[in-house]
Amino acid sequence: MEQRRLKTLIGVAMVGLGLVQAGSFALQSEWLPMVLGLLYSAIGTAYLWAEVYTVGQ
């Protein structure tokens, strides 16, 4: 149970950090770092799907 909670926390942190980065760089009109933030958020979403949701099934 602890392992799943840790993986969930890591995935949610990746998604949140990516969205914060994308938002802050979008406000500054810095498009490449914004896209990289969105990519990081997508990787976090894929991590959540692969390590948390599909393992439990």
N, C-alpha and C. Protein backbone atom coordinates (compact mmCIF):
# COMPACT_ATOMS: atom_id res chain seq x y z
N MET A 1 0.82 -1.19 0.00
CA MET A 1 0.00 0.00 0.00
C MET A 1 0.87 1.26 0.00
N GLU A 2 1.93 1.28 0.79
CA GLU A 2 2.81 2.45 0.84
C GLU A 2 3.49 2.70 -0.50
N GLN A 3 3.86 1.64 -1.18
CA GLN A 3 4.53 1.77 -2.47
C GLN A 3 3.60 2.43 -3.49
N ARG A 4 2.34 2.05 -3.49
CA ARG A 4 1.38 2.64 -4.43
C ARG A 4 1.14 4.11 -4.10
N ARG A 5 1.07 4.42 -2.82
CA ARG A 5 0.87 5.82 -2.41
C ARG A 5 2.06 6.68 -2.83
N LEU A 6 3.26 6.15 -2.69
CA LEU A 6 4.45 6.89 -3.09
C LEU A 6 4.47 7.12 -4.60
N LYS A 7 4.13 6.10 -5.36
CA LYS A 7 4.09 6.25 -6.82
C LYS A 7 3.02 7.25 -7.24
N THR A 8 1.90 7.24 -6.56
CA THR A 8 0.84 8.22 -6.85
C THR A 8 1.31 9.63 -6.54
N LEU A 9 1.98 9.80 -5.43
CA LEU A 9 2.50 11.12 -5.05
C LEU A 9 3.53 11.62 -6.07
N ILE A 10 4.41 10.74 -6.53
CA ILE A 10 5.41 11.12 -7.53
C ILE A 10 4.72 11.54 -8.83
N GLY A 11 3.75 10.76 -9.28
CA GLY A 11 3.04 11.09 -10.52
C GLY A 11 2.28 12.40 -10.44
N VAL A 12 1.59 12.61 -9.34
CA VAL A 12 0.83 13.86 -9.16
C VAL A 12 1.77 15.05 -9.08
N ALA A 13 2.91 14.87 -8.42
CA ALA A 13 3.89 15.95 -8.35
C ALA A 13 4.45 16.28 -9.73
N MET A 14 4.70 15.27 -10.55
CA MET A 14 5.20 15.51 -11.90
C MET A 14 4.17 16.29 -12.73
N VAL A 15 2.91 15.88 -12.64
CA VAL A 15 1.87 16.58 -13.39
C VAL A 15 1.73 18.02 -12.90
N GLY A 16 1.70 18.20 -11.59
CA GLY A 16 1.55 19.54 -11.04
C GLY A 16 2.72 20.45 -11.38
N LEU A 17 3.93 19.93 -11.25
CA LEU A 17 5.11 20.73 -11.57
C LEU A 17 5.14 21.11 -13.05
N GLY A 18 4.78 20.18 -13.91
CA GLY A 18 4.74 20.48 -15.34
C GLY A 18 3.72 21.55 -15.67
N LEU A 19 2.56 21.49 -15.02
CA LEU A 19 1.53 22.50 -15.29
C LEU A 19 1.92 23.87 -14.74
N VAL A 20 2.56 23.89 -13.58
CA VAL A 20 3.03 25.18 -13.03
C VAL A 20 4.08 25.78 -13.95
N GLN A 21 5.02 24.94 -14.41
CA GLN A 21 6.06 25.43 -15.31
C GLN A 21 5.44 25.95 -16.62
N ALA A 22 4.51 25.19 -17.17
CA ALA A 22 3.89 25.61 -18.43
C ALA A 22 3.12 26.91 -18.24
N GLY A 23 2.41 27.03 -17.14
CA GLY A 23 1.64 28.25 -16.90
C GLY A 23 2.52 29.47 -16.70
N SER A 24 3.58 29.32 -15.93
CA SER A 24 4.43 30.48 -15.67
C SER A 24 5.17 30.92 -16.93
N PHE A 25 5.62 29.98 -17.75
CA PHE A 25 6.30 30.36 -18.98
C PHE A 25 5.32 30.87 -20.04
N ALA A 26 4.09 30.41 -20.01
CA ALA A 26 3.10 30.93 -20.96
C ALA A 26 2.81 32.40 -20.66
N LEU A 27 2.79 32.77 -19.38
CA LEU A 27 2.56 34.17 -19.02
C LEU A 27 3.69 35.07 -19.49
N GLN A 28 4.88 34.50 -19.64
CA GLN A 28 6.03 35.27 -20.10
C GLN A 28 6.26 35.13 -21.60
N SER A 29 5.37 34.46 -22.29
CA SER A 29 5.45 34.22 -23.73
C SER A 29 6.73 33.47 -24.12
N GLU A 30 7.15 32.57 -23.28
CA GLU A 30 8.29 31.69 -23.56
C GLU A 30 7.71 30.34 -23.98
N TRP A 31 7.64 30.10 -25.28
CA TRP A 31 6.87 28.96 -25.78
C TRP A 31 7.60 27.63 -25.67
N LEU A 32 8.90 27.59 -25.90
CA LEU A 32 9.62 26.32 -25.80
C LEU A 32 9.62 25.77 -24.37
N PRO A 33 9.95 26.55 -23.35
CA PRO A 33 9.85 26.01 -21.99
C PRO A 33 8.41 25.64 -21.60
N MET A 34 7.42 26.36 -22.16
CA MET A 34 6.03 26.02 -21.89
C MET A 34 5.70 24.64 -22.45
N VAL A 35 6.15 24.38 -23.67
CA VAL A 35 5.89 23.08 -24.30
C VAL A 35 6.61 21.98 -23.52
N LEU A 36 7.82 22.26 -23.05
CA LEU A 36 8.54 21.27 -22.27
C LEU A 36 7.83 20.99 -20.93
N GLY A 37 7.22 21.99 -20.34
CA GLY A 37 6.43 21.79 -19.13
C GLY A 37 5.22 20.91 -19.40
N LEU A 38 4.56 21.15 -20.53
CA LEU A 38 3.43 20.31 -20.90
C LEU A 38 3.87 18.87 -21.18
N LEU A 39 5.04 18.73 -21.79
CA LEU A 39 5.58 17.40 -22.04
C LEU A 39 5.88 16.69 -20.73
N TYR A 40 6.46 17.40 -19.78
CA TYR A 40 6.75 16.82 -18.46
C TYR A 40 5.45 16.40 -17.77
N SER A 41 4.42 17.20 -17.92
CA SER A 41 3.13 16.87 -17.34
C SER A 41 2.53 15.62 -18.01
N ALA A 42 2.71 15.51 -19.32
CA ALA A 42 2.22 14.32 -20.04
C ALA A 42 2.99 13.08 -19.61
N ILE A 43 4.28 13.21 -19.38
CA ILE A 43 5.07 12.08 -18.89
C ILE A 43 4.59 11.67 -17.50
N GLY A 44 4.26 12.63 -16.67
CA GLY A 44 3.72 12.33 -15.35
C GLY A 44 2.38 11.61 -15.43
N THR A 45 1.55 12.01 -16.38
CA THR A 45 0.27 11.34 -16.58
C THR A 45 0.48 9.91 -17.05
N ALA A 46 1.41 9.71 -17.96
CA ALA A 46 1.72 8.35 -18.43
C ALA A 46 2.28 7.51 -17.29
N TYR A 47 3.10 8.10 -16.44
CA TYR A 47 3.65 7.39 -15.29
C TYR A 47 2.52 6.96 -14.35
N LEU A 48 1.60 7.87 -14.08
CA LEU A 48 0.46 7.52 -13.23
C LEU A 48 -0.34 6.37 -13.84
N TRP A 49 -0.58 6.44 -15.12
CA TRP A 49 -1.37 5.39 -15.77
C TRP A 49 -0.64 4.06 -15.73
N ALA A 50 0.65 4.07 -16.02
CA ALA A 50 1.41 2.82 -16.11
C ALA A 50 1.73 2.22 -14.74
N GLU A 51 2.07 3.05 -13.77
CA GLU A 51 2.55 2.54 -12.49
C GLU A 51 1.48 2.44 -11.41
N VAL A 52 0.40 3.19 -11.54
CA VAL A 52 -0.59 3.19 -10.47
C VAL A 52 -1.89 2.53 -10.91
N TYR A 53 -2.46 2.98 -12.02
CA TYR A 53 -3.79 2.52 -12.38
C TYR A 53 -3.80 1.14 -13.02
N THR A 54 -2.87 0.84 -13.92
CA THR A 54 -2.90 -0.46 -14.59
C THR A 54 -2.32 -1.58 -13.72
N VAL A 55 -1.44 -1.25 -12.77
CA VAL A 55 -0.87 -2.28 -11.91
C VAL A 55 -1.94 -2.81 -10.94
N GLY A 56 -2.84 -1.94 -10.54
CA GLY A 56 -3.89 -2.34 -9.60
C GLY A 56 -4.95 -3.24 -10.21
N GLN A 57 -5.01 -3.35 -11.51
CA GLN A 57 -6.06 -4.15 -12.15
C GLN A 57 -5.65 -5.58 -12.32
